[in-house]
Amino acid sequence: MENMNAKYLFCSVWFLLAHGVSGVGSDEVSVMEGDTVTLNTGVKTNQQEDIKWYFEDTRIAQITGDLSKICTDGQCNKGTESFRDRLKLDHQTGSLTITNITNTHTGEYTLKIISSINSFEKTFSVTGHDVPASEQDEWKRKSVKEGESVTLDPGEIKPPNDVMTWCFNDTLIAEIIGEPSKICRDVQSEERFRDRPKLDHQTGSLTITDIRTSDAGEYQLDISSSSFSIKRRFSVSVTDSGLSPGAVAGICTAVVLLASAAGLIYWKCKSKT
């Protein structure tokens, strides 16, 4: 009996240390329309807990004991059609991912983890930034001409403890870790872009100078913290200027030679006259 009590006490202490006490405050998450956001539980399940997610007191997702018993959207509670096909649950942690978020999905999300030992509750306050309909395509899609510069702006100030990672077609371009002084770049991207990407330390914005047609494609920004992660995607198209720098130089040289020849002919004709 004493062994059982000691075991129960150990499990209770472990759960409190790992999860904290019930009603731990709220984490604030700032998103923009079209983002994908993941709300992290920060734990790993042992198939003995019930994990429930609520949006404004309405249950939207749940894992019940056996990880195979997962329900989302209207399966859990009717009247949650706005989340249909947007929710994903991590089987190992119970973390909730919301894809293509809109203003109707901003508000308070509550996580409840219930076990035979204790219960844990945490809230996430998700606030959204409106993108006017007339600017939505412009915000997500960038079209530039070869040789120009393009800036991909996250749209918000970067919290100091976040990790921000920029990738181009799944290849790492640059990463900011916590402090602005800790910036690392991938060797492969250095060979491809040759120092043309520039990072803003305050916002995490990525600027690519002297852009080329080979730079066209999808750029992804990942913003991660211990409590949440956000994904933002930008599609960049580059139109050919029609003339390479060598061709432009050749044309300029030809124009100069033609002008010189015309001047020489004019001078000779004038001399004969």
Protein backbone atom coordinates (compact mmCIF):
# COMPACT_ATOMS: atom_id res chain seq x y z
CA MET A 1 0.00 0.00 0.00
CA GLU A 2 2.83 2.35 0.89
CA ASN A 3 4.48 1.55 -2.44
CA MET A 4 1.24 2.40 -4.25
CA ASN A 5 0.95 5.72 -2.40
CA ALA A 6 4.57 6.56 -3.15
CA LYS A 7 4.03 5.72 -6.81
CA TYR A 8 0.90 7.87 -6.95
CA LEU A 9 2.73 10.77 -5.25
CA PHE A 10 5.63 10.47 -7.70
CA CYS A 11 3.26 10.48 -10.69
CA SER A 12 1.39 13.50 -9.32
CA VAL A 13 4.60 15.46 -8.79
CA TRP A 14 5.84 14.49 -12.25
CA PHE A 15 2.60 15.61 -13.89
CA LEU A 16 2.66 18.96 -12.12
CA LEU A 17 6.29 19.56 -13.00
CA ALA A 18 5.78 18.56 -16.62
CA HIS A 19 2.46 20.27 -17.18
CA GLY A 20 2.09 22.89 -14.49
CA VAL A 21 -1.04 23.56 -12.53
CA SER A 22 -4.50 24.08 -13.94
CA GLY A 23 -5.27 27.52 -15.37
CA VAL A 24 -1.75 28.58 -16.51
CA GLY A 25 -2.49 31.93 -18.26
CA SER A 26 -2.67 32.62 -21.93
CA ASP A 27 -0.14 32.69 -24.74
CA GLU A 28 -0.69 35.34 -27.40
CA VAL A 29 -0.35 34.34 -31.04
CA SER A 30 -0.46 36.92 -33.84
CA VAL A 31 -1.39 35.64 -37.31
CA MET A 32 -2.32 36.99 -40.72
CA GLU A 33 -5.04 35.78 -43.02
CA GLY A 34 -3.95 32.64 -44.86
CA ASP A 35 -1.36 31.60 -42.24
CA THR A 36 -0.96 28.10 -40.88
CA VAL A 37 -0.59 28.11 -37.08
CA THR A 38 0.25 25.25 -34.71
CA LEU A 39 -0.66 25.50 -31.02
CA ASN A 40 1.80 23.32 -29.13
CA THR A 41 0.88 21.34 -26.03
CA GLY A 42 4.53 21.00 -25.03
CA VAL A 43 3.99 17.40 -23.87
CA LYS A 44 4.04 13.86 -25.19
CA THR A 45 0.99 11.72 -24.59
CA ASN A 46 1.16 8.26 -23.03
CA GLN A 47 -2.28 7.19 -24.30
CA GLN A 48 -3.72 7.61 -20.82
CA GLU A 49 -4.98 11.19 -21.15
CA ASP A 50 -7.98 12.84 -22.70
CA ILE A 51 -6.87 15.87 -24.74
CA LYS A 52 -9.56 18.35 -25.70
CA TRP A 53 -9.39 21.57 -27.69
CA TYR A 54 -12.02 24.29 -27.42
CA PHE A 55 -12.61 27.43 -29.44
CA GLU A 56 -14.62 30.04 -27.53
CA ASP A 57 -16.03 27.26 -25.28
CA THR A 58 -16.96 25.08 -28.27
CA ARG A 59 -15.12 21.76 -28.53
CA ILE A 60 -13.43 21.44 -31.91
CA ALA A 61 -11.01 18.51 -31.47
CA GLN A 62 -10.30 15.68 -29.09
CA ILE A 63 -8.02 12.70 -28.50
CA THR A 64 -9.54 10.14 -26.15
CA GLY A 65 -7.11 7.71 -24.57
CA ASP A 66 -6.42 5.44 -27.52
CA LEU A 67 -4.74 7.63 -30.16
CA SER A 68 -6.88 6.03 -32.85
CA LYS A 69 -9.95 7.71 -31.40
CA ILE A 70 -9.47 11.22 -32.75
CA CYS A 71 -12.32 13.51 -33.69
CA THR A 72 -12.24 16.97 -35.24
CA ASP A 73 -14.67 19.53 -36.65
CA GLY A 74 -18.34 18.55 -36.62
CA GLN A 75 -17.45 15.05 -35.38
CA CYS A 76 -16.91 16.56 -31.94
CA ASN A 77 -19.49 19.30 -31.89
CA LYS A 78 -22.00 20.53 -34.43
CA GLY A 79 -21.79 24.16 -35.46
CA THR A 80 -18.04 24.14 -36.15
CA GLU A 81 -18.25 24.01 -39.94
CA SER A 82 -15.83 26.93 -40.27
CA PHE A 83 -13.05 24.58 -39.17
CA ARG A 84 -13.89 21.76 -41.56
CA ASP A 85 -10.79 20.29 -43.20
CA ARG A 86 -8.61 22.94 -41.51
CA LEU A 87 -7.69 21.11 -38.29
CA LYS A 88 -4.89 18.60 -37.77
CA LEU A 89 -3.91 16.85 -34.54
CA ASP A 90 -0.45 15.55 -33.74
CA HIS A 91 -0.84 11.97 -32.49
CA GLN A 92 2.24 12.17 -30.29
CA THR A 93 1.70 15.53 -28.59
CA GLY A 94 -1.91 16.50 -29.19
CA SER A 95 -0.79 19.82 -30.72
CA LEU A 96 -3.43 21.49 -32.88
CA THR A 97 -2.69 22.88 -36.35
CA ILE A 98 -5.10 25.26 -38.13
CA THR A 99 -4.46 25.76 -41.83
CA ASN A 100 -5.44 28.74 -44.00
CA ILE A 101 -6.65 30.73 -41.02
CA THR A 102 -9.23 33.50 -41.43
CA ASN A 103 -10.72 36.15 -39.17
CA THR A 104 -13.49 33.75 -38.14
CA HIS A 105 -10.81 31.57 -36.52
CA THR A 106 -9.31 34.28 -34.31
CA GLY A 107 -10.20 34.19 -30.65
CA GLU A 108 -9.44 32.10 -27.56
CA TYR A 109 -8.41 28.45 -27.84
CA THR A 110 -8.36 26.34 -24.69
CA LEU A 111 -6.39 23.13 -24.25
CA LYS A 112 -7.51 20.67 -21.58
CA ILE A 113 -5.51 17.56 -20.68
CA ILE A 114 -7.24 15.23 -18.23
CA SER A 115 -5.72 12.10 -16.72
CA SER A 116 -6.37 9.93 -13.70
CA ILE A 117 -3.66 11.86 -11.86
CA ASN A 118 -4.43 15.49 -12.55
CA SER A 119 -5.72 17.97 -15.09
CA PHE A 120 -3.99 20.70 -17.05
CA GLU A 121 -5.47 23.70 -18.82
CA LYS A 122 -3.89 26.29 -21.07
CA THR A 123 -5.31 29.01 -23.29
CA PHE A 124 -4.02 30.58 -26.51
CA SER A 125 -5.25 33.99 -27.57
CA VAL A 126 -5.07 34.10 -31.37
CA THR A 127 -5.37 37.56 -32.90
CA GLY A 128 -5.56 38.09 -36.65
CA HIS A 129 -4.40 40.85 -38.96
CA ASP A 130 -6.87 41.72 -41.66
CA VAL A 131 -5.57 41.75 -45.21
CA PRO A 132 -7.89 43.75 -47.50
CA ALA A 133 -9.31 41.63 -50.31
CA SER A 134 -7.75 43.96 -52.87
CA GLU A 135 -4.30 43.31 -51.38
CA GLN A 136 -4.49 39.59 -50.59
CA ASP A 137 -2.93 38.42 -53.87
CA GLU A 138 -0.34 41.20 -53.72
CA TRP A 139 0.61 40.21 -50.15
CA LYS A 140 1.08 36.52 -50.95
CA ARG A 141 2.36 36.91 -54.49
CA LYS A 142 5.23 39.07 -55.64
CA SER A 143 5.96 39.80 -59.28
CA VAL A 144 9.20 41.57 -60.15
CA LYS A 145 11.43 42.10 -63.15
CA GLU A 146 14.86 40.60 -63.46
CA GLY A 147 17.48 42.78 -61.80
CA GLU A 148 15.05 44.39 -59.35
CA SER A 149 14.84 43.88 -55.59
CA VAL A 150 11.96 42.20 -53.77
CA THR A 151 11.12 42.31 -50.04
CA LEU A 152 9.09 39.58 -48.33
CA ASP A 153 7.65 41.12 -45.17
CA PRO A 154 6.28 38.99 -42.29
CA GLY A 155 3.97 41.88 -41.43
CA GLU A 156 4.76 42.12 -37.73
CA ILE A 157 7.59 42.80 -35.27
CA LYS A 158 9.55 39.67 -34.41
CA PRO A 159 9.48 38.70 -30.72
CA PRO A 160 13.07 38.39 -29.43
CA ASN A 161 12.88 34.72 -28.40
CA ASP A 162 11.41 33.35 -31.61
CA VAL A 163 13.28 31.34 -34.23
CA MET A 164 12.64 32.58 -37.77
CA THR A 165 13.63 30.43 -40.74
CA TRP A 166 13.49 31.39 -44.42
CA CYS A 167 13.50 28.65 -47.06
CA PHE A 168 13.39 28.75 -50.86
CA ASN A 169 11.82 25.66 -52.44
CA ASP A 170 12.65 23.72 -49.24
CA THR A 171 16.28 24.95 -49.22
CA LEU A 172 17.36 26.94 -46.16
CA ILE A 173 18.30 30.54 -47.00
CA ALA A 174 18.73 32.11 -43.56
CA GLU A 175 17.75 31.66 -39.92
CA ILE A 176 17.45 34.12 -37.04
CA ILE A 177 17.78 32.52 -33.61
CA GLY A 178 16.60 34.68 -30.72
CA GLU A 179 18.95 37.62 -30.73
CA PRO A 180 19.55 39.55 -33.98
CA SER A 181 23.27 38.82 -33.74
CA LYS A 182 22.65 35.11 -34.14
CA ILE A 183 22.00 34.82 -37.87
CA CYS A 184 23.09 31.75 -39.80
CA ARG A 185 22.94 31.05 -43.52
CA ASP A 186 23.03 27.79 -45.41
CA VAL A 187 26.18 27.07 -47.43
CA GLN A 188 24.21 25.83 -50.45
CA SER A 189 22.06 28.96 -50.51
CA GLU A 190 25.19 31.11 -50.27
CA GLU A 191 26.44 29.54 -53.48
CA ARG A 192 23.08 30.08 -55.18
CA PHE A 193 22.26 33.59 -53.99
CA ARG A 194 25.82 34.87 -53.34
CA ASP A 195 25.01 37.31 -50.51
CA ARG A 196 22.03 38.80 -52.34
CA PRO A 197 19.52 37.99 -49.54
CA LYS A 198 19.36 40.65 -46.79
CA LEU A 199 17.61 40.23 -43.43
CA ASP A 200 15.98 42.95 -41.34
CA HIS A 201 16.93 42.33 -37.70
CA GLN A 202 13.79 43.99 -36.33
CA THR A 203 11.08 42.40 -38.46
CA GLY A 204 12.72 39.35 -40.02
CA SER A 205 11.89 40.65 -43.51
CA LEU A 206 13.82 39.05 -46.35
CA THR A 207 15.06 41.21 -49.24
CA ILE A 208 16.63 39.71 -52.35
CA THR A 209 18.62 42.11 -54.48
CA ASP A 210 19.42 41.81 -58.19
CA ILE A 211 16.81 39.08 -58.52
CA ARG A 212 17.09 36.51 -61.33
CA THR A 213 14.63 34.25 -63.10
CA SER A 214 16.19 31.29 -61.25
CA ASP A 215 15.06 32.92 -57.98
CA ALA A 216 11.39 32.50 -58.89
CA GLY A 217 9.48 30.01 -56.75
CA GLU A 218 8.01 29.55 -53.29
CA TYR A 219 9.55 31.15 -50.21
CA GLN A 220 8.44 29.91 -46.79
CA LEU A 221 8.85 31.63 -43.45
CA ASP A 222 8.61 29.57 -40.25
CA ILE A 223 8.19 31.41 -36.94
CA SER A 224 8.62 29.08 -33.96
CA SER A 225 8.45 29.39 -30.20
CA SER A 226 7.91 26.93 -27.36
CA SER A 227 4.14 27.49 -27.47
CA PHE A 228 3.30 27.88 -31.15
CA SER A 229 4.60 27.95 -34.70
CA ILE A 230 3.42 29.89 -37.75
CA LYS A 231 4.03 29.23 -41.45
CA ARG A 232 3.80 31.89 -44.13
CA ARG A 233 4.32 31.35 -47.84
CA PHE A 234 5.20 33.79 -50.58
CA SER A 235 5.11 33.05 -54.29
CA VAL A 236 7.65 35.08 -56.27
CA SER A 237 7.55 35.33 -60.05
CA VAL A 238 10.34 36.97 -62.03
CA THR A 239 9.75 38.25 -65.55
CA ASP A 240 12.60 38.24 -68.01
CA SER A 241 13.80 41.72 -68.86
CA GLY A 242 14.31 40.45 -72.40
CA LEU A 243 17.98 41.35 -72.54
CA SER A 244 20.88 39.97 -70.58
CA PRO A 245 23.47 42.36 -69.12
CA GLY A 246 25.87 41.24 -71.85
CA ALA A 247 23.36 42.01 -74.56
CA VAL A 248 22.66 45.44 -73.09
CA ALA A 249 26.39 46.16 -73.00
CA GLY A 250 26.70 45.02 -76.61
CA ILE A 251 23.89 47.27 -77.74
CA CYS A 252 25.42 50.24 -75.93
CA THR A 253 28.78 49.57 -77.58
CA ALA A 254 27.12 49.30 -81.01
CA VAL A 255 25.29 52.59 -80.49
CA VAL A 256 28.53 54.32 -79.53
CA LEU A 257 30.32 52.92 -82.60
CA LEU A 258 27.47 53.93 -84.91
CA ALA A 259 27.44 57.42 -83.45
CA SER A 260 31.20 57.68 -83.91
CA ALA A 261 30.98 56.45 -87.50
CA ALA A 262 28.17 58.89 -88.28
CA GLY A 263 30.21 61.72 -86.81
CA LEU A 264 33.26 60.73 -88.85
CA ILE A 265 31.23 60.57 -92.10
CA TYR A 266 29.67 63.94 -91.37
CA TRP A 267 33.12 65.49 -90.69
CA LYS A 268 34.56 64.09 -93.94
CA CYS A 269 31.62 65.31 -96.00
CA LYS A 270 31.86 68.72 -94.42
CA SER A 271 35.64 68.84 -95.11
CA LYS A 272 35.13 68.06 -98.82
CA THR A 273 32.46 70.72 -99.08
